[in-house]
C-alpha atoms as a PDB file:
ATOM      1  CA  MET A   1     -15.437 -14.101  52.457  1.00  0.00           C
ATOM      2  CA  ASN A   2     -15.431 -12.973  56.033  1.00  0.00           C
ATOM      3  CA  PRO A   3     -18.592 -12.584  58.158  1.00  0.00           C
ATOM      4  CA  GLU A   4     -18.583  -8.774  57.852  1.00  0.00           C
ATOM      5  CA  GLU A   5     -18.588  -8.899  54.050  1.00  0.00           C
ATOM      6  CA  LYS A   6     -21.292 -11.550  54.076  1.00  0.00           C
ATOM      7  CA  GLN A   7     -23.453  -9.385  56.348  1.00  0.00           C
ATOM      8  CA  LEU A   8     -22.967  -6.358  54.048  1.00  0.00           C
ATOM      9  CA  LEU A   9     -23.841  -8.459  50.997  1.00  0.00           C
ATOM     10  CA  GLU A  10     -27.010  -9.793  52.649  1.00  0.00           C
ATOM     11  CA  ARG A  11     -27.993  -6.256  53.622  1.00  0.00           C
ATOM     12  CA  ALA A  12     -27.442  -5.036  50.046  1.00  0.00           C
ATOM     13  CA  VAL A  13     -29.580  -7.888  48.707  1.00  0.00           C
ATOM     14  CA  SER A  14     -32.404  -7.149  51.140  1.00  0.00           C
ATOM     15  CA  LEU A  15     -32.294  -3.427  50.278  1.00  0.00           C
ATOM     16  CA  SER A  16     -32.349  -4.236  46.579  1.00  0.00           C
ATOM     17  CA  GLU A  17     -35.373  -6.545  47.037  1.00  0.00           C
ATOM     18  CA  GLU A  18     -37.167  -3.855  49.022  1.00  0.00           C
ATOM     19  CA  ASN A  19     -36.413  -1.254  46.331  1.00  0.00           C
ATOM     20  CA  ASN A  20     -37.648  -3.641  43.655  1.00  0.00           C
ATOM     21  CA  LYS A  21     -40.911  -4.149  45.562  1.00  0.00           C
ATOM     22  CA  ILE A  22     -41.401  -0.380  45.938  1.00  0.00           C
ATOM     23  CA  LEU A  23     -40.628   0.273  42.263  1.00  0.00           C
ATOM     24  CA  ARG A  24     -43.076  -2.397  41.135  1.00  0.00           C
ATOM     25  CA  GLY A  25     -45.764  -0.746  43.252  1.00  0.00           C
ATOM     26  CA  ILE A  26     -44.996   2.644  41.739  1.00  0.00           C
ATOM     27  CA  ARG A  27     -45.134   1.196  38.227  1.00  0.00           C
ATOM     28  CA  ARG A  28     -48.458  -0.520  38.973  1.00  0.00           C
ATOM     29  CA  GLY A  29     -49.851   2.761  40.317  1.00  0.00           C
ATOM     30  CA  ASN A  30     -48.729   4.613  37.186  1.00  0.00           C
ATOM     31  CA  ARG A  31     -50.413   2.053  34.946  1.00  0.00           C
ATOM     32  CA  PHE A  32     -53.640   2.287  36.939  1.00  0.00           C
ATOM     33  CA  GLY A  33     -53.477   6.086  36.765  1.00  0.00           C
ATOM     34  CA  LEU A  34     -52.993   6.018  32.995  1.00  0.00           C
ATOM     35  CA  ALA A  35     -55.895   3.606  32.538  1.00  0.00           C
ATOM     36  CA  TRP A  36     -58.081   5.813  34.743  1.00  0.00           C
ATOM     37  CA  LYS A  37     -57.203   8.952  32.722  1.00  0.00           C
ATOM     38  CA  ILE A  38     -58.008   7.183  29.439  1.00  0.00           C
ATOM     39  CA  PHE A  39     -61.348   5.978  30.833  1.00  0.00           C
ATOM     40  CA  TYR A  40     -62.083   9.485  32.175  1.00  0.00           C
ATOM     41  CA  TRP A  41     -61.523  11.166  28.810  1.00  0.00           C
ATOM     42  CA  ILE A  42     -63.472   8.503  26.921  1.00  0.00           C
ATOM     43  CA  VAL A  43     -66.445   9.117  29.224  1.00  0.00           C
ATOM     44  CA  ILE A  44     -66.189  12.905  28.795  1.00  0.00           C
ATOM     45  CA  ILE A  45     -65.982  12.619  24.996  1.00  0.00           C
ATOM     46  CA  ALA A  46     -68.870  10.144  24.878  1.00  0.00           C
ATOM     47  CA  ILE A  47     -71.088  12.358  27.038  1.00  0.00           C
ATOM     48  CA  SER A  48     -70.227  15.409  24.916  1.00  0.00           C
ATOM     49  CA  TYR A  49     -71.039  13.561  21.701  1.00  0.00           C
ATOM     50  CA  GLY A  50     -74.290  12.245  23.171  1.00  0.00           C
ATOM     51  CA  ALA A  51     -75.295  15.737  24.253  1.00  0.00           C
ATOM     52  CA  TYR A  52     -74.510  17.050  20.763  1.00  0.00           C
ATOM     53  CA  VAL A  53     -76.589  14.339  19.084  1.00  0.00           C
ATOM     54  CA  TYR A  54     -79.455  14.918  21.524  1.00  0.00           C
ATOM     55  CA  ILE A  55     -79.486  18.733  21.237  1.00  0.00           C
ATOM     56  CA  GLN A  56     -78.634  19.065  17.527  1.00  0.00           C
ATOM     57  CA  PRO A  57     -82.246  18.701  16.229  1.00  0.00           C
ATOM     58  CA  TYR A  58     -83.402  21.445  18.593  1.00  0.00           C
ATOM     59  CA  VAL A  59     -80.598  23.737  17.496  1.00  0.00           C
ATOM     60  CA  SER A  60     -81.329  23.161  13.800  1.00  0.00           C
ATOM     61  CA  GLN A  61     -85.034  23.845  14.403  1.00  0.00           C
ATOM     62  CA  LEU A  62     -84.138  27.028  16.284  1.00  0.00           C
ATOM     63  CA  MET A  63     -81.885  28.172  13.423  1.00  0.00           C
ATOM     64  CA  LYS A  64     -84.659  27.465  10.909  1.00  0.00           C
ATOM     65  CA  THR A  65     -87.149  29.491  12.958  1.00  0.00           C
ATOM     66  CA  TYR A  66     -84.638  32.314  13.356  1.00  0.00           C
ATOM     67  CA  GLY A  67     -84.122  32.396   9.575  1.00  0.00           C
ATOM     68  CA  GLU A  68     -87.856  32.551   8.985  1.00  0.00           C
ATOM     69  CA  VAL A  69     -88.296  35.367  11.514  1.00  0.00           C
ATOM     70  CA  THR A  70     -85.460  37.450  10.067  1.00  0.00           C
ATOM     71  CA  GLY A  71     -86.859  36.884   6.556  1.00  0.00           C
ATOM     72  CA  THR A  72     -90.277  38.070   7.688  1.00  0.00           C
ATOM     73  CA  VAL A  73     -88.849  41.119   9.455  1.00  0.00           C
ATOM     74  CA  ASN A  74     -86.829  42.055   6.375  1.00  0.00           C
ATOM     75  CA  LYS A  75     -90.014  42.040   4.271  1.00  0.00           C
ATOM     76  CA  PHE A  76     -91.389  44.943   6.250  1.00  0.00           C
ATOM     77  CA  SER A  77     -89.867  48.288   5.451  1.00  0.00           C
ATOM     78  CA  LEU A  78     -89.706  51.243   7.784  1.00  0.00           C
ATOM     79  CA  PRO A  79     -91.031  54.624   6.702  1.00  0.00           C
ATOM     80  CA  LYS A  80     -88.429  57.056   5.401  1.00  0.00           C
ATOM     81  CA  GLY A  81     -88.693  59.275   8.466  1.00  0.00           C
ATOM     82  CA  PHE A  82     -87.152  56.667  10.770  1.00  0.00           C
END
C-alpha cells in the first residue's frame, strides 16, 4: 500500500467515525423527542381526566336542576289564546 492510498484510507476512516458520531447524536435526539411527546400527551390526558372528575358532580347537579325546572314549567299550561 502506497502512502497516497494509506492517506485516503485514514481520511475515509475519520469521515466514517465523524458520521457515526453525528448519527448517534441524531438518534439520541429522536429518542429524547419521542419520550418528551409521550410525557406531554400523558400530562394532557391526565389533566383532562382530572378536570372531568372534578367538574362531573357539578354538571350532574346542573342537569338534575335543569330537569326539575323543565318539569315544573311543563306543569303550567298556557291559555288557549296564546
